Amino acid sequence: MSSTFTVTSGDGTRIRGWRSGGPGVPLVIANGLGTIPEAWPSLVADGSGYDAVTWYHRGTFGSDRPRDLSRIAVEDHVDDMLAVMDDQGVDRALVACWSIGVNVAFEFLHRHPERVAGIMAVAGVPGGTFSTMGGPLRIPRRLRKPLSVRIAKTGRYLGPAVTRVTAKLPANHGLAWVLTHTGVMSSRARPEVVVPMLDQFLRHDWQWYTRLAVAAAKHDPMDLHFVTCPVTLVAGKHDVLTSMHDVVDAAERIPHAQIAVLNGTHFLPMEFPHELHTALDDLARIAEVQKP
């Protein structure tokens, strides 16, 4: 049965963690910014075959904001991931990561290679995330990061008003239908998965959330020469937040990496849960990770 716990990160920030609690292969989830474990329905369910551990980003879902409000960079999330693994006795694990979590996972691998058995990176790239945004919208590459950062910074000023509005929105099947039929998500995302996600996501303090996003934008593209563990990258063909082409390019910079392109959006964990489960099973066999 799943449970939550609290750990103290390297700078003293109290972080709320989550563990599925079932028997299985050790798995750490480096989640998308401000998302919940249930966004990965097939990996956190009872009987998934994985003992999944994750955490909630600083200032979200019960994790404290740091005393030094600048301590929200990707490197700080790496410290949180390390604290969670140490607290839960996870010496070495597969890592499933999504969106900004891909930055965190590869930065963690760079710093602690002995703790990572393999990485499944979904709808994200190892650094330079904001430079990948808007590819399918034909936004010129040189404009992508400046435009994305400008939008995020604008969100900091509009945050209080946006927070008041989203707090009143009903997280129900109607809103889920709108999201899955207007191109935001694919209609493959089932309402019973989308609604709980929305119920939590809409309650964010959006001023803080956009502050986290702007800090993540500072994580530069990584030289991936250090990657020796098995890696699978998964891209969404219609992802407007992380261009499919940039994910493919990242895979090409890791000679042994596997790459898959799915007919979905940025929200692949909710749209293709079974396909991602299969991809992780394949990665676990390559990495030769067994149940403890």
Protein backbone atom coordinates (compact mmCIF):
# COMPACT_ATOMS: atom_id res chain seq x y z
CA MET A 1 0.00 0.00 0.00
CA SER A 2 1.32 3.46 -0.91
CA SER A 3 2.51 5.82 1.80
CA THR A 4 4.06 9.25 2.19
CA PHE A 5 7.08 10.23 4.25
CA THR A 6 9.20 13.28 4.96
CA VAL A 7 12.96 13.68 4.47
CA THR A 8 15.37 16.55 5.00
CA SER A 9 17.35 17.50 1.92
CA GLY A 10 20.94 18.67 1.87
CA ASP A 11 20.10 22.35 2.47
CA GLY A 12 17.67 21.55 5.29
CA THR A 13 14.48 21.76 3.21
CA ARG A 14 11.81 19.26 4.27
CA ILE A 15 10.64 17.22 1.29
CA ARG A 16 7.53 15.05 1.12
CA GLY A 17 8.11 11.70 -0.54
CA TRP A 18 5.86 8.91 -1.77
CA ARG A 19 6.33 5.15 -2.11
CA SER A 20 4.08 2.58 -3.76
CA GLY A 21 5.07 -0.02 -1.19
CA GLY A 22 4.61 -3.10 -3.33
CA PRO A 23 7.19 -5.78 -4.06
CA GLY A 24 9.15 -5.23 -7.23
CA VAL A 25 12.16 -3.82 -9.00
CA PRO A 26 13.47 -0.60 -7.36
CA LEU A 27 12.22 2.40 -9.35
CA VAL A 28 12.68 6.11 -8.72
CA ILE A 29 10.35 8.50 -10.55
CA ALA A 30 11.74 11.96 -11.35
CA ASN A 31 8.39 13.48 -12.16
CA GLY A 32 7.23 16.31 -14.36
CA LEU A 33 7.17 19.67 -12.62
CA GLY A 34 4.40 19.83 -10.07
CA THR A 35 2.85 16.48 -10.97
CA ILE A 36 1.80 13.56 -8.78
CA PRO A 37 2.80 9.86 -8.76
CA GLU A 38 -0.61 8.85 -10.08
CA ALA A 39 0.32 10.44 -13.43
CA TRP A 40 2.13 7.11 -14.03
CA PRO A 41 -0.85 4.78 -13.46
CA SER A 42 0.74 1.57 -14.74
CA LEU A 43 4.00 2.01 -12.79
CA VAL A 44 2.60 2.93 -9.37
CA ALA A 45 -0.33 0.50 -9.30
CA ASP A 46 -0.39 -2.55 -7.05
CA GLY A 47 1.12 -5.46 -8.88
CA SER A 48 3.06 -3.29 -11.33
CA GLY A 49 6.25 -5.22 -10.65
CA TYR A 50 7.97 -2.04 -9.44
CA ASP A 51 8.62 -0.60 -6.00
CA ALA A 52 8.24 3.04 -7.00
CA VAL A 53 9.63 5.92 -4.94
CA THR A 54 9.24 9.60 -5.78
CA TRP A 55 8.91 13.03 -4.19
CA TYR A 56 7.01 16.29 -4.54
CA HIS A 57 8.89 19.31 -5.81
CA ARG A 58 9.88 22.07 -3.44
CA GLY A 59 6.90 24.14 -2.38
CA THR A 60 4.31 21.75 -3.86
CA PHE A 61 2.00 19.12 -2.38
CA GLY A 62 3.40 19.33 1.15
CA SER A 63 7.09 19.80 0.41
CA ASP A 64 8.44 22.98 2.02
CA ARG A 65 9.81 25.95 0.15
CA PRO A 66 13.52 26.38 0.88
CA ARG A 67 14.60 29.13 3.24
CA ASP A 68 16.81 30.41 0.44
CA LEU A 69 14.22 30.82 -2.29
CA SER A 70 16.90 30.58 -4.98
CA ARG A 71 17.48 26.91 -4.07
CA ILE A 72 15.04 25.58 -6.66
CA ALA A 73 17.43 24.79 -9.50
CA VAL A 74 17.68 21.38 -11.14
CA GLU A 75 20.71 20.70 -8.94
CA ASP A 76 18.55 21.22 -5.83
CA HIS A 77 15.99 18.71 -7.10
CA VAL A 78 18.91 16.30 -7.56
CA ASP A 79 19.76 16.74 -3.89
CA ASP A 80 16.14 15.98 -3.01
CA MET A 81 16.24 12.81 -5.11
CA LEU A 82 19.38 11.68 -3.31
CA ALA A 83 17.85 12.39 0.11
CA VAL A 84 14.74 10.37 -0.79
CA MET A 85 16.76 7.39 -2.02
CA ASP A 86 19.01 7.43 1.05
CA ASP A 87 16.06 7.69 3.42
CA GLN A 88 14.23 4.81 1.76
CA GLY A 89 17.27 2.55 1.51
CA VAL A 90 17.34 2.56 -2.29
CA ASP A 91 20.97 2.02 -3.20
CA ARG A 92 20.52 1.57 -6.95
CA ALA A 93 17.40 1.79 -9.11
CA LEU A 94 15.90 2.30 -12.49
CA VAL A 95 14.78 5.89 -13.05
CA ALA A 96 11.62 6.83 -14.94
CA CYS A 97 11.53 10.55 -15.69
CA TRP A 98 9.23 12.96 -17.46
CA SER A 99 9.61 16.50 -18.79
CA ILE A 100 11.75 18.58 -16.37
CA GLY A 101 12.32 15.32 -14.51
CA VAL A 102 14.52 14.25 -17.42
CA ASN A 103 16.88 17.13 -16.60
CA VAL A 104 16.91 16.01 -12.97
CA ALA A 105 17.52 12.36 -13.80
CA PHE A 106 20.48 12.97 -16.12
CA GLU A 107 22.02 15.50 -13.73
CA PHE A 108 21.63 12.91 -10.98
CA LEU A 109 23.28 10.28 -13.20
CA HIS A 110 26.18 12.65 -13.85
CA ARG A 111 26.73 13.16 -10.12
CA HIS A 112 25.84 9.70 -8.81
CA PRO A 113 26.33 7.15 -11.62
CA GLU A 114 26.60 4.23 -9.22
CA ARG A 115 23.00 4.80 -8.04
CA VAL A 116 21.36 4.51 -11.48
CA ALA A 117 20.76 1.16 -13.22
CA GLY A 118 19.04 2.68 -16.25
CA ILE A 119 16.91 5.64 -17.35
CA MET A 120 13.59 5.79 -19.19
CA ALA A 121 13.26 9.44 -20.26
CA VAL A 122 9.80 10.51 -21.41
CA ALA A 123 8.97 13.76 -23.25
CA GLY A 124 12.08 15.53 -22.07
CA VAL A 125 15.73 16.20 -22.88
CA PRO A 126 18.90 16.33 -20.74
CA GLY A 127 19.11 20.09 -20.35
CA GLY A 128 18.04 22.99 -22.50
CA THR A 129 14.38 22.10 -22.08
CA PHE A 130 13.01 25.55 -22.86
CA SER A 131 14.88 25.56 -26.17
CA THR A 132 12.77 22.59 -27.30
CA MET A 133 9.40 24.21 -26.71
CA GLY A 134 7.19 25.13 -29.64
CA GLY A 135 8.88 23.00 -32.28
CA PRO A 136 5.61 21.65 -33.75
CA LEU A 137 4.28 25.22 -33.77
CA ARG A 138 7.15 26.14 -36.13
CA ILE A 139 8.62 28.66 -33.72
CA PRO A 140 12.22 29.33 -34.89
CA ARG A 141 14.75 27.61 -32.63
CA ARG A 142 16.54 30.85 -31.73
CA LEU A 143 13.28 32.27 -30.38
CA ARG A 144 12.06 29.26 -28.42
CA LYS A 145 13.92 29.74 -25.15
CA PRO A 146 13.55 33.55 -24.93
CA LEU A 147 9.84 33.28 -25.71
CA SER A 148 9.24 30.39 -23.29
CA VAL A 149 11.11 32.11 -20.47
CA ARG A 150 9.25 35.36 -21.11
CA ILE A 151 5.91 33.54 -20.88
CA ALA A 152 6.98 31.84 -17.64
CA LYS A 153 8.15 35.11 -16.12
CA THR A 154 4.88 36.76 -17.09
CA GLY A 155 3.15 33.94 -15.24
CA ARG A 156 4.89 35.03 -12.04
CA TYR A 157 3.09 38.36 -12.20
CA LEU A 158 -0.23 36.84 -13.21
CA GLY A 159 0.16 33.96 -10.75
CA PRO A 160 -2.15 35.21 -7.98
CA ALA A 161 -4.99 35.87 -10.44
CA VAL A 162 -4.45 32.54 -12.21
CA THR A 163 -4.41 30.74 -8.85
CA ARG A 164 -7.77 32.23 -7.90
CA VAL A 165 -9.29 31.16 -11.22
CA THR A 166 -7.91 27.60 -11.34
CA ALA A 167 -8.88 26.95 -7.72
CA LYS A 168 -12.51 27.39 -8.77
CA LEU A 169 -12.36 25.15 -11.83
CA PRO A 170 -14.08 21.79 -11.37
CA ALA A 171 -11.72 18.85 -11.81
CA ASN A 172 -14.29 16.59 -13.43
CA HIS A 173 -14.89 14.49 -16.53
CA GLY A 174 -16.13 17.55 -18.42
CA LEU A 175 -12.84 19.40 -18.04
CA ALA A 176 -10.93 16.21 -18.80
CA TRP A 177 -12.95 15.85 -22.02
CA VAL A 178 -12.07 19.41 -23.05
CA LEU A 179 -8.36 18.82 -22.48
CA THR A 180 -8.34 15.53 -24.37
CA HIS A 181 -10.33 16.84 -27.34
CA THR A 182 -8.63 20.18 -27.97
CA GLY A 183 -5.07 18.96 -28.54
CA VAL A 184 -3.71 19.63 -25.04
CA MET A 185 -3.74 15.90 -24.40
CA SER A 186 -4.56 12.94 -26.59
CA SER A 187 -7.97 11.34 -26.20
CA ARG A 188 -6.08 8.20 -25.21
CA ALA A 189 -5.71 9.68 -21.71
CA ARG A 190 -8.50 8.10 -19.68
CA PRO A 191 -10.69 10.38 -17.48
CA GLU A 192 -10.10 8.21 -14.41
CA VAL A 193 -6.40 9.09 -14.70
CA VAL A 194 -6.75 12.70 -15.86
CA VAL A 195 -9.30 13.84 -13.26
CA PRO A 196 -7.22 13.02 -10.13
CA MET A 197 -4.24 14.69 -11.79
CA LEU A 198 -6.29 17.81 -12.51
CA ASP A 199 -7.72 17.85 -9.00
CA GLN A 200 -4.22 18.36 -7.63
CA PHE A 201 -2.62 20.31 -10.48
CA LEU A 202 -5.26 23.05 -10.52
CA ARG A 203 -4.59 23.83 -6.85
CA HIS A 204 -1.03 25.01 -7.42
CA ASP A 205 0.19 28.41 -6.32
CA TRP A 206 0.94 29.46 -9.91
CA GLN A 207 3.26 32.26 -8.91
CA TRP A 208 5.47 29.69 -7.19
CA TYR A 209 5.03 27.15 -9.97
CA THR A 210 6.24 29.57 -12.64
CA ARG A 211 9.18 30.45 -10.39
CA LEU A 212 10.13 26.77 -10.39
CA ALA A 213 9.80 26.67 -14.18
CA VAL A 214 12.03 29.70 -14.72
CA ALA A 215 14.69 28.18 -12.47
CA ALA A 216 14.56 24.92 -14.45
CA ALA A 217 15.12 26.87 -17.66
CA LYS A 218 18.64 27.68 -16.49
CA HIS A 219 19.72 24.04 -16.82
CA ASP A 220 21.85 24.02 -19.97
CA PRO A 221 22.14 21.19 -22.51
CA MET A 222 24.43 18.46 -21.20
CA ASP A 223 27.42 16.78 -22.80
CA LEU A 224 26.24 13.18 -22.58
CA HIS A 225 29.63 11.47 -22.84
CA PHE A 226 29.24 10.27 -19.24
CA VAL A 227 26.14 8.14 -19.96
CA THR A 228 27.05 4.45 -19.90
CA CYS A 229 23.94 2.89 -18.33
CA PRO A 230 21.06 1.64 -20.51
CA VAL A 231 18.79 4.47 -21.67
CA THR A 232 15.41 4.56 -23.40
CA LEU A 233 14.01 7.86 -24.66
CA VAL A 234 10.34 8.25 -25.56
CA ALA A 235 8.99 11.21 -27.53
CA GLY A 236 5.48 12.41 -28.34
CA LYS A 237 4.86 13.09 -32.02
CA HIS A 238 2.53 15.99 -31.18
CA ASP A 239 4.36 17.34 -28.13
CA VAL A 240 4.47 21.16 -28.24
CA LEU A 241 6.43 21.43 -24.98
CA THR A 242 9.34 19.14 -25.90
CA SER A 243 9.95 18.77 -29.60
CA MET A 244 10.08 15.19 -30.83
CA HIS A 245 13.09 16.10 -32.97
CA ASP A 246 15.06 17.27 -29.94
CA VAL A 247 14.37 14.01 -28.11
CA VAL A 248 15.56 12.06 -31.15
CA ASP A 249 18.68 14.25 -31.32
CA ALA A 250 19.40 13.51 -27.65
CA ALA A 251 19.10 9.78 -28.33
CA GLU A 252 21.59 10.07 -31.17
CA ARG A 253 24.11 11.58 -28.76
CA ILE A 254 23.94 8.41 -26.64
CA PRO A 255 25.16 5.64 -28.97
CA HIS A 256 23.51 2.78 -27.11
CA ALA A 257 20.19 4.53 -26.41
CA GLN A 258 16.83 3.16 -27.52
CA ILE A 259 14.31 5.62 -28.98
CA ALA A 260 10.55 5.35 -29.41
CA VAL A 261 8.14 7.92 -30.85
CA LEU A 262 4.51 7.58 -29.78
CA ASN A 263 1.49 9.21 -31.42
CA GLY A 264 0.80 11.43 -28.43
CA THR A 265 1.47 14.76 -26.73
CA HIS A 266 3.57 15.86 -23.77
CA PHE A 267 1.41 13.76 -21.46
CA LEU A 268 2.61 10.33 -22.55
CA PRO A 269 2.57 8.76 -19.03
CA MET A 270 -1.21 9.22 -18.99
CA GLU A 271 -1.79 8.54 -22.68
CA PHE A 272 0.37 5.44 -23.12
CA PRO A 273 0.72 3.86 -19.66
CA HIS A 274 0.93 0.27 -20.89
CA GLU A 275 3.43 1.06 -23.63
CA LEU A 276 5.67 2.84 -21.13
CA HIS A 277 5.34 -0.09 -18.74
CA THR A 278 6.51 -2.43 -21.50
CA ALA A 279 9.40 -0.10 -22.37
CA LEU A 280 10.48 -0.04 -18.72
CA ASP A 281 10.26 -3.83 -18.50
CA ASP A 282 12.54 -4.07 -21.53
CA LEU A 283 14.96 -1.60 -19.95
CA ALA A 284 14.98 -3.56 -16.70
CA ARG A 285 15.99 -6.72 -18.59
CA ILE A 286 18.81 -4.90 -20.37
CA ALA A 287 19.99 -3.35 -17.10
CA GLU A 288 19.70 -6.75 -15.40
CA VAL A 289 17.86 -5.25 -12.45
CA GLN A 290 16.09 -7.79 -10.28
CA LYS A 291 13.64 -7.61 -7.44
CA PRO A 292 15.46 -7.38 -4.10
